[in-house]
C-alpha atoms as a PDB file:
ATOM      1  CA  MET A   1       0.000   0.000   0.000  1.00  0.00           C
ATOM      2  CA  GLN A   2       2.855   2.360   0.780  1.00  0.00           C
ATOM      3  CA  ARG A   3       4.361   1.821  -2.675  1.00  0.00           C
ATOM      4  CA  ILE A   4       0.977   2.447  -4.292  1.00  0.00           C
ATOM      5  CA  GLY A   5       0.695   5.685  -2.355  1.00  0.00           C
ATOM      6  CA  GLU A   6       4.169   6.731  -3.437  1.00  0.00           C
ATOM      7  CA  PHE A   7       3.331   5.866  -7.044  1.00  0.00           C
ATOM      8  CA  VAL A   8       0.150   7.960  -6.927  1.00  0.00           C
ATOM      9  CA  VAL A   9       2.010  10.900  -5.366  1.00  0.00           C
ATOM     10  CA  ALA A  10       4.761  10.605  -7.970  1.00  0.00           C
ATOM     11  CA  ALA A  11       2.136  10.804 -10.750  1.00  0.00           C
ATOM     12  CA  GLY A  12       1.270  14.317  -9.614  1.00  0.00           C
ATOM     13  CA  ILE A  13      -2.137  15.945  -9.713  1.00  0.00           C
ATOM     14  CA  VAL A  14      -3.574  13.362 -12.144  1.00  0.00           C
ATOM     15  CA  GLY A  15      -2.653  10.496  -9.822  1.00  0.00           C
ATOM     16  CA  ILE A  16      -5.797  10.924  -7.693  1.00  0.00           C
ATOM     17  CA  PRO A  17      -8.363  10.668 -10.521  1.00  0.00           C
ATOM     18  CA  LEU A  18      -6.411   7.798 -12.075  1.00  0.00           C
ATOM     19  CA  LEU A  19      -6.419   6.001  -8.733  1.00  0.00           C
ATOM     20  CA  ALA A  20     -10.183   6.578  -8.479  1.00  0.00           C
ATOM     21  CA  PHE A  21     -10.651   5.199 -11.997  1.00  0.00           C
ATOM     22  CA  SER A  22      -8.600   2.126 -11.164  1.00  0.00           C
ATOM     23  CA  ILE A  23     -10.604   1.423  -7.992  1.00  0.00           C
ATOM     24  CA  VAL A  24     -13.921   1.811  -9.834  1.00  0.00           C
ATOM     25  CA  ALA A  25     -12.705  -0.370 -12.697  1.00  0.00           C
ATOM     26  CA  ILE A  26     -11.527  -3.139 -10.361  1.00  0.00           C
ATOM     27  CA  ALA A  27     -14.820  -3.150  -8.434  1.00  0.00           C
ATOM     28  CA  LEU A  28     -16.927  -3.309 -11.608  1.00  0.00           C
ATOM     29  CA  ILE A  29     -14.674  -5.943 -13.179  1.00  0.00           C
ATOM     30  CA  ILE A  30     -15.110  -8.173 -10.123  1.00  0.00           C
ATOM     31  CA  GLU A  31     -18.895  -7.746 -10.293  1.00  0.00           C
ATOM     32  CA  ARG A  32     -18.941  -8.655 -14.004  1.00  0.00           C
ATOM     33  CA  ILE A  33     -16.665 -11.664 -13.462  1.00  0.00           C
ATOM     34  CA  VAL A  34     -19.001 -13.020 -10.780  1.00  0.00           C
ATOM     35  CA  PHE A  35     -21.997 -12.438 -13.071  1.00  0.00           C
ATOM     36  CA  TRP A  36     -20.494 -14.112 -16.138  1.00  0.00           C
ATOM     37  CA  VAL A  37     -19.073 -17.058 -14.208  1.00  0.00           C
ATOM     38  CA  LYS A  38     -22.567 -17.739 -12.851  1.00  0.00           C
ATOM     39  CA  VAL A  39     -24.122 -17.445 -16.301  1.00  0.00           C
ATOM     40  CA  LEU A  40     -21.536 -19.580 -18.104  1.00  0.00           C
ATOM     41  CA  ARG A  41     -21.572 -22.322 -15.476  1.00  0.00           C
ATOM     42  CA  ARG A  42     -25.316 -22.819 -15.038  1.00  0.00           C
ATOM     43  CA  GLN A  43     -27.344 -21.268 -17.815  1.00  0.00           C
ATOM     44  CA  ASP A  44     -26.840 -23.673 -20.700  1.00  0.00           C
ATOM     45  CA  THR A  45     -27.751 -26.709 -18.588  1.00  0.00           C
ATOM     46  CA  VAL A  46     -30.806 -25.004 -17.077  1.00  0.00           C
ATOM     47  CA  VAL A  47     -32.112 -23.864 -20.470  1.00  0.00           C
ATOM     48  CA  ARG A  48     -31.682 -27.259 -22.108  1.00  0.00           C
ATOM     49  CA  GLN A  49     -33.435 -28.963 -19.218  1.00  0.00           C
ATOM     50  CA  GLY A  50     -36.239 -26.397 -19.333  1.00  0.00           C
ATOM     51  CA  LEU A  51     -36.822 -26.917 -23.059  1.00  0.00           C
ATOM     52  CA  GLN A  52     -36.797 -30.687 -22.640  1.00  0.00           C
ATOM     53  CA  LEU A  53     -39.299 -30.477 -19.805  1.00  0.00           C
ATOM     54  CA  TYR A  54     -41.538 -28.224 -21.888  1.00  0.00           C
ATOM     55  CA  ARG A  55     -41.858 -30.971 -24.475  1.00  0.00           C
ATOM     56  CA  GLU A  56     -43.116 -33.353 -21.793  1.00  0.00           C
ATOM     57  CA  ASP A  57     -44.815 -31.173 -19.185  1.00  0.00           C
ATOM     58  CA  PRO A  58     -44.978 -27.365 -19.576  1.00  0.00           C
ATOM     59  CA  ASP A  59     -45.826 -26.859 -15.903  1.00  0.00           C
ATOM     60  CA  LEU A  60     -42.614 -28.591 -14.826  1.00  0.00           C
ATOM     61  CA  ALA A  61     -40.664 -26.466 -17.283  1.00  0.00           C
ATOM     62  CA  VAL A  62     -42.128 -23.285 -15.821  1.00  0.00           C
ATOM     63  CA  GLU A  63     -41.251 -24.431 -12.300  1.00  0.00           C
ATOM     64  CA  LYS A  64     -37.706 -25.233 -13.409  1.00  0.00           C
ATOM     65  CA  LEU A  65     -37.271 -21.794 -14.951  1.00  0.00           C
ATOM     66  CA  LYS A  66     -38.758 -20.044 -11.908  1.00  0.00           C
ATOM     67  CA  ARG A  67     -36.050 -21.599  -9.742  1.00  0.00           C
ATOM     68  CA  ASN A  68     -33.402 -20.010 -11.969  1.00  0.00           C
ATOM     69  CA  VAL A  69     -34.726 -16.510 -12.574  1.00  0.00           C
ATOM     70  CA  ASP A  70     -31.309 -15.104 -11.676  1.00  0.00           C
ATOM     71  CA  LEU A  71     -30.183 -16.092 -15.196  1.00  0.00           C
ATOM     72  CA  PRO A  72     -31.041 -14.077 -18.341  1.00  0.00           C
ATOM     73  CA  ILE A  73     -32.262 -16.737 -20.779  1.00  0.00           C
ATOM     74  CA  PRO A  74     -34.459 -18.567 -18.241  1.00  0.00           C
ATOM     75  CA  ARG A  75     -36.172 -15.230 -17.540  1.00  0.00           C
ATOM     76  CA  ILE A  76     -36.841 -14.817 -21.273  1.00  0.00           C
ATOM     77  CA  LEU A  77     -38.188 -18.357 -21.666  1.00  0.00           C
ATOM     78  CA  LEU A  78     -40.323 -17.968 -18.569  1.00  0.00           C
ATOM     79  CA  GLU A  79     -41.913 -14.912 -20.156  1.00  0.00           C
ATOM     80  CA  ALA A  80     -42.868 -17.041 -23.154  1.00  0.00           C
ATOM     81  CA  PHE A  81     -43.910 -20.231 -21.384  1.00  0.00           C
ATOM     82  CA  SER A  82     -46.068 -18.370 -18.870  1.00  0.00           C
ATOM     83  CA  LEU A  83     -48.426 -17.172 -21.610  1.00  0.00           C
ATOM     84  CA  GLU A  84     -51.784 -18.884 -21.846  1.00  0.00           C
ATOM     85  CA  ASP A  85     -53.171 -19.556 -25.332  1.00  0.00           C
ATOM     86  CA  ALA A  86     -51.334 -16.600 -26.857  1.00  0.00           C
ATOM     87  CA  GLU A  87     -51.312 -16.023 -30.589  1.00  0.00           C
ATOM     88  CA  PRO A  88     -47.961 -16.497 -32.390  1.00  0.00           C
ATOM     89  CA  ASP A  89     -47.610 -12.738 -32.871  1.00  0.00           C
ATOM     90  CA  GLU A  90     -48.282 -12.118 -29.188  1.00  0.00           C
ATOM     91  CA  LEU A  91     -45.681 -14.724 -28.249  1.00  0.00           C
ATOM     92  CA  SER A  92     -43.094 -13.100 -30.531  1.00  0.00           C
ATOM     93  CA  LEU A  93     -43.800  -9.691 -29.008  1.00  0.00           C
ATOM     94  CA  ALA A  94     -43.460 -11.082 -25.483  1.00  0.00           C
ATOM     95  CA  ILE A  95     -40.132 -12.722 -26.311  1.00  0.00           C
ATOM     96  CA  ASP A  96     -38.798  -9.598 -28.043  1.00  0.00           C
ATOM     97  CA  GLY A  97     -39.793  -7.472 -25.058  1.00  0.00           C
ATOM     98  CA  ALA A  98     -38.089  -9.875 -22.650  1.00  0.00           C
ATOM     99  CA  ILE A  99     -34.923  -9.854 -24.772  1.00  0.00           C
ATOM    100  CA  GLN A 100     -34.832  -6.049 -24.829  1.00  0.00           C
ATOM    101  CA  ALA A 101     -35.206  -6.030 -21.042  1.00  0.00           C
ATOM    102  CA  GLU A 102     -32.194  -8.343 -20.652  1.00  0.00           C
ATOM    103  CA  ILE A 103     -29.809  -6.410 -22.898  1.00  0.00           C
ATOM    104  CA  PRO A 104     -29.032  -3.692 -20.290  1.00  0.00           C
ATOM    105  CA  VAL A 105     -28.295  -6.446 -17.751  1.00  0.00           C
ATOM    106  CA  LEU A 106     -25.830  -8.113 -20.109  1.00  0.00           C
ATOM    107  CA  LYS A 107     -24.198  -4.793 -21.093  1.00  0.00           C
ATOM    108  CA  ARG A 108     -24.077  -3.385 -17.576  1.00  0.00           C
ATOM    109  CA  PHE A 109     -21.206  -0.974 -16.892  1.00  0.00           C
ATOM    110  CA  SER A 110     -20.024  -1.042 -20.526  1.00  0.00           C
ATOM    111  CA  ASN A 111     -20.363   2.746 -20.746  1.00  0.00           C
ATOM    112  CA  VAL A 112     -18.353   3.153 -17.548  1.00  0.00           C
ATOM    113  CA  PHE A 113     -15.598   0.925 -18.918  1.00  0.00           C
ATOM    114  CA  ASP A 114     -15.542   2.893 -22.182  1.00  0.00           C
ATOM    115  CA  THR A 115     -15.284   6.162 -20.258  1.00  0.00           C
ATOM    116  CA  ILE A 116     -12.369   4.915 -18.158  1.00  0.00           C
ATOM    117  CA  VAL A 117     -10.572   3.547 -21.227  1.00  0.00           C
ATOM    118  CA  SER A 118     -11.005   6.875 -23.033  1.00  0.00           C
ATOM    119  CA  LEU A 119     -10.138   9.249 -20.189  1.00  0.00           C
ATOM    120  CA  SER A 120      -7.253   7.428 -18.502  1.00  0.00           C
ATOM    121  CA  PRO A 121      -4.703   7.942 -21.330  1.00  0.00           C
ATOM    122  CA  LEU A 122      -5.804  11.567 -21.634  1.00  0.00           C
ATOM    123  CA  LEU A 123      -5.221  12.107 -17.929  1.00  0.00           C
ATOM    124  CA  GLY A 124      -1.827  10.446 -18.305  1.00  0.00           C
ATOM    125  CA  LEU A 125      -1.052  12.793 -21.188  1.00  0.00           C
ATOM    126  CA  LEU A 126      -2.141  15.751 -19.064  1.00  0.00           C
ATOM    127  CA  GLY A 127       0.238  14.579 -16.350  1.00  0.00           C
ATOM    128  CA  THR A 128       2.995  14.359 -18.934  1.00  0.00           C
ATOM    129  CA  VAL A 129       2.410  17.941 -20.049  1.00  0.00           C
ATOM    130  CA  LEU A 130       2.294  19.210 -16.478  1.00  0.00           C
ATOM    131  CA  GLY A 131       5.484  17.316 -15.635  1.00  0.00           C
ATOM    132  CA  LEU A 132       7.305  18.789 -18.622  1.00  0.00           C
ATOM    133  CA  ILE A 133       6.080  22.256 -17.716  1.00  0.00           C
ATOM    134  CA  GLN A 134       7.502  21.745 -14.243  1.00  0.00           C
ATOM    135  CA  SER A 135      10.810  20.611 -15.721  1.00  0.00           C
ATOM    136  CA  PHE A 136      11.097  23.613 -18.040  1.00  0.00           C
ATOM    137  CA  ALA A 137      10.095  25.948 -15.229  1.00  0.00           C
ATOM    138  CA  SER A 138      13.026  24.639 -13.205  1.00  0.00           C
ATOM    139  CA  LEU A 139      15.538  25.404 -15.937  1.00  0.00           C
ATOM    140  CA  THR A 140      17.634  28.516 -15.709  1.00  0.00           C
ATOM    141  CA  ILE A 141      20.053  29.298 -18.509  1.00  0.00           C
ATOM    142  CA  GLY A 142      23.649  29.074 -17.282  1.00  0.00           C
ATOM    143  CA  ASP A 143      22.676  27.614 -13.905  1.00  0.00           C
ATOM    144  CA  ALA A 144      23.472  23.945 -13.301  1.00  0.00           C
ATOM    145  CA  SER A 145      22.968  23.802  -9.539  1.00  0.00           C
ATOM    146  CA  SER A 146      21.806  20.639  -7.816  1.00  0.00           C
ATOM    147  CA  SER A 147      18.455  22.222  -6.888  1.00  0.00           C
ATOM    148  CA  GLN A 148      17.750  22.907 -10.551  1.00  0.00           C
ATOM    149  CA  THR A 149      18.720  19.344 -11.478  1.00  0.00           C
ATOM    150  CA  VAL A 150      16.327  17.949  -8.854  1.00  0.00           C
ATOM    151  CA  GLY A 151      13.479  20.079 -10.224  1.00  0.00           C
ATOM    152  CA  VAL A 152      14.102  18.946 -13.794  1.00  0.00           C
ATOM    153  CA  THR A 153      14.367  15.260 -12.945  1.00  0.00           C
ATOM    154  CA  GLY A 154      11.315  15.497 -10.682  1.00  0.00           C
ATOM    155  CA  GLY A 155       9.234  16.964 -13.478  1.00  0.00           C
ATOM    156  CA  ILE A 156      10.392  14.334 -15.958  1.00  0.00           C
ATOM    157  CA  SER A 157       9.670  11.580 -13.428  1.00  0.00           C
ATOM    158  CA  GLU A 158       6.136  12.920 -12.896  1.00  0.00           C
ATOM    159  CA  ALA A 159       5.598  13.063 -16.656  1.00  0.00           C
ATOM    160  CA  LEU A 160       6.688   9.458 -17.229  1.00  0.00           C
ATOM    161  CA  ILE A 161       4.871   7.988 -14.218  1.00  0.00           C
ATOM    162  CA  SER A 162       1.583   9.721 -15.022  1.00  0.00           C
ATOM    163  CA  THR A 163       1.757   8.447 -18.607  1.00  0.00           C
ATOM    164  CA  ALA A 164       2.476   4.905 -17.450  1.00  0.00           C
ATOM    165  CA  PHE A 165      -0.290   5.079 -14.826  1.00  0.00           C
ATOM    166  CA  GLY A 166      -2.868   6.223 -17.364  1.00  0.00           C
ATOM    167  CA  LEU A 167      -1.886   3.506 -19.849  1.00  0.00           C
ATOM    168  CA  ILE A 168      -1.954   0.774 -17.207  1.00  0.00           C
ATOM    169  CA  VAL A 169      -5.472   1.729 -16.101  1.00  0.00           C
ATOM    170  CA  ALA A 170      -6.715   2.025 -19.695  1.00  0.00           C
ATOM    171  CA  LEU A 171      -5.149  -1.198 -20.974  1.00  0.00           C
ATOM    172  CA  GLY A 172      -6.285  -3.279 -17.998  1.00  0.00           C
ATOM    173  CA  THR A 173      -9.835  -1.970 -18.260  1.00  0.00           C
ATOM    174  CA  LEU A 174      -9.865  -2.411 -22.039  1.00  0.00           C
ATOM    175  CA  PHE A 175      -8.845  -6.056 -21.768  1.00  0.00           C
ATOM    176  CA  PHE A 176     -11.704  -6.946 -19.444  1.00  0.00           C
ATOM    177  CA  ALA A 177     -14.199  -4.710 -21.261  1.00  0.00           C
ATOM    178  CA  ASN A 178     -13.493  -6.512 -24.538  1.00  0.00           C
ATOM    179  CA  THR A 179     -13.746  -9.881 -22.798  1.00  0.00           C
ATOM    180  CA  PHE A 180     -17.152  -8.978 -21.374  1.00  0.00           C
ATOM    181  CA  ARG A 181     -18.217  -7.643 -24.781  1.00  0.00           C
ATOM    182  CA  GLY A 182     -17.367 -11.034 -26.284  1.00  0.00           C
ATOM    183  CA  PHE A 183     -19.483 -12.778 -23.647  1.00  0.00           C
ATOM    184  CA  TYR A 184     -22.329 -10.378 -24.449  1.00  0.00           C
ATOM    185  CA  GLN A 185     -22.168 -11.113 -28.177  1.00  0.00           C
ATOM    186  CA  ARG A 186     -22.173 -14.849 -27.489  1.00  0.00           C
ATOM    187  CA  GLN A 187     -25.173 -14.470 -25.196  1.00  0.00           C
ATOM    188  CA  LEU A 188     -27.099 -12.584 -27.871  1.00  0.00           C
ATOM    189  CA  ALA A 189     -26.550 -15.470 -30.283  1.00  0.00           C
ATOM    190  CA  LEU A 190     -27.661 -18.004 -27.668  1.00  0.00           C
ATOM    191  CA  ILE A 191     -30.718 -15.920 -26.798  1.00  0.00           C
ATOM    192  CA  GLN A 192     -31.804 -15.845 -30.442  1.00  0.00           C
ATOM    193  CA  GLU A 193     -31.233 -19.586 -30.771  1.00  0.00           C
ATOM    194  CA  TYR A 194     -33.125 -20.588 -27.619  1.00  0.00           C
ATOM    195  CA  ALA A 195     -35.895 -18.036 -28.185  1.00  0.00           C
ATOM    196  CA  ALA A 196     -36.517 -19.448 -31.667  1.00  0.00           C
ATOM    197  CA  GLU A 197     -36.590 -22.995 -30.280  1.00  0.00           C
ATOM    198  CA  ALA A 198     -38.981 -21.972 -27.500  1.00  0.00           C
ATOM    199  CA  GLU A 199     -41.283 -20.251 -29.979  1.00  0.00           C
ATOM    200  CA  LEU A 200     -41.276 -23.339 -32.204  1.00  0.00           C
ATOM    201  CA  LEU A 201     -42.115 -25.625 -29.280  1.00  0.00           C
ATOM    202  CA  TYR A 202     -44.912 -23.307 -28.177  1.00  0.00           C
ATOM    203  CA  ARG A 203     -46.442 -23.209 -31.658  1.00  0.00           C
ATOM    204  CA  ARG A 204     -46.274 -26.983 -32.015  1.00  0.00           C
ATOM    205  CA  ARG A 205     -47.970 -27.411 -28.654  1.00  0.00           C
ATOM    206  CA  GLN A 206     -50.711 -24.957 -29.586  1.00  0.00           C
ATOM    207  CA  LYS A 207     -51.219 -26.739 -32.904  1.00  0.00           C
ATOM    208  CA  ARG A 208     -51.610 -30.098 -31.150  1.00  0.00           C
ATOM    209  CA  LYS A 209     -54.154 -28.568 -28.766  1.00  0.00           C
ATOM    210  CA  GLU A 210     -56.139 -27.125 -31.654  1.00  0.00           C
ATOM    211  CA  GLU A 211     -56.088 -30.453 -33.450  1.00  0.00           C
ATOM    212  CA  SER A 212     -57.275 -32.277 -30.342  1.00  0.00           C
ATOM    213  CA  TYR A 213     -60.153 -29.817 -29.948  1.00  0.00           C
ATOM    214  CA  ALA A 214     -61.075 -30.179 -33.621  1.00  0.00           C
ATOM    215  CA  THR A 215     -61.113 -33.995 -33.515  1.00  0.00           C
ATOM    216  CA  PRO A 216     -64.654 -35.198 -32.677  1.00  0.00           C
ATOM    217  CA  SER A 217     -64.813 -37.485 -29.693  1.00  0.00           C
ATOM    218  CA  SER A 218     -66.076 -41.023 -30.329  1.00  0.00           C
ATOM    219  CA  TYR A 219     -68.702 -42.645 -28.132  1.00  0.00           C
END
């Protein structure tokens, strides 16, 4: 902790906002890692089991999905399977609405990550400029005293450290932001796949019900 404090102080005035950005980024990255680990570990199995149950007993499928409403795709399927005798167009609208509601959950904090990635290098550049200004301000033509040398080297050190600090924060955040963006894109593809399968199963079930109602009973 002491070295981190010294590093922040050495970065100059931009060290404090860069430290704040790094703390925010780390906290949000941890939250997203926990979220995606949960989704990637459980969701595929739960969804496949729910679709299989729907073929055999829709009520059991609904109960299965209700026990896993902390996952995005089960929430979408539950929205579809909970409908009673809905028309195909109504089912499609319900699924589309559920998908749109899940997108902000999957993309959570993406704007914050983009802001940190964009601003951190600029803050590092600002620190570089301020450090160079300090170095030039310490120069006096024809004077090579030790105090002047300390001022010049101190300014250059601040310039280099602030640049490095800004790049470290930006690159670390960018790596995880792109990783989460890849997970999001993969989830969108899975959502479309499972939503189409759920809609097909629902329509087949409704067709069988209509056929059973249309078949005259024999006495």
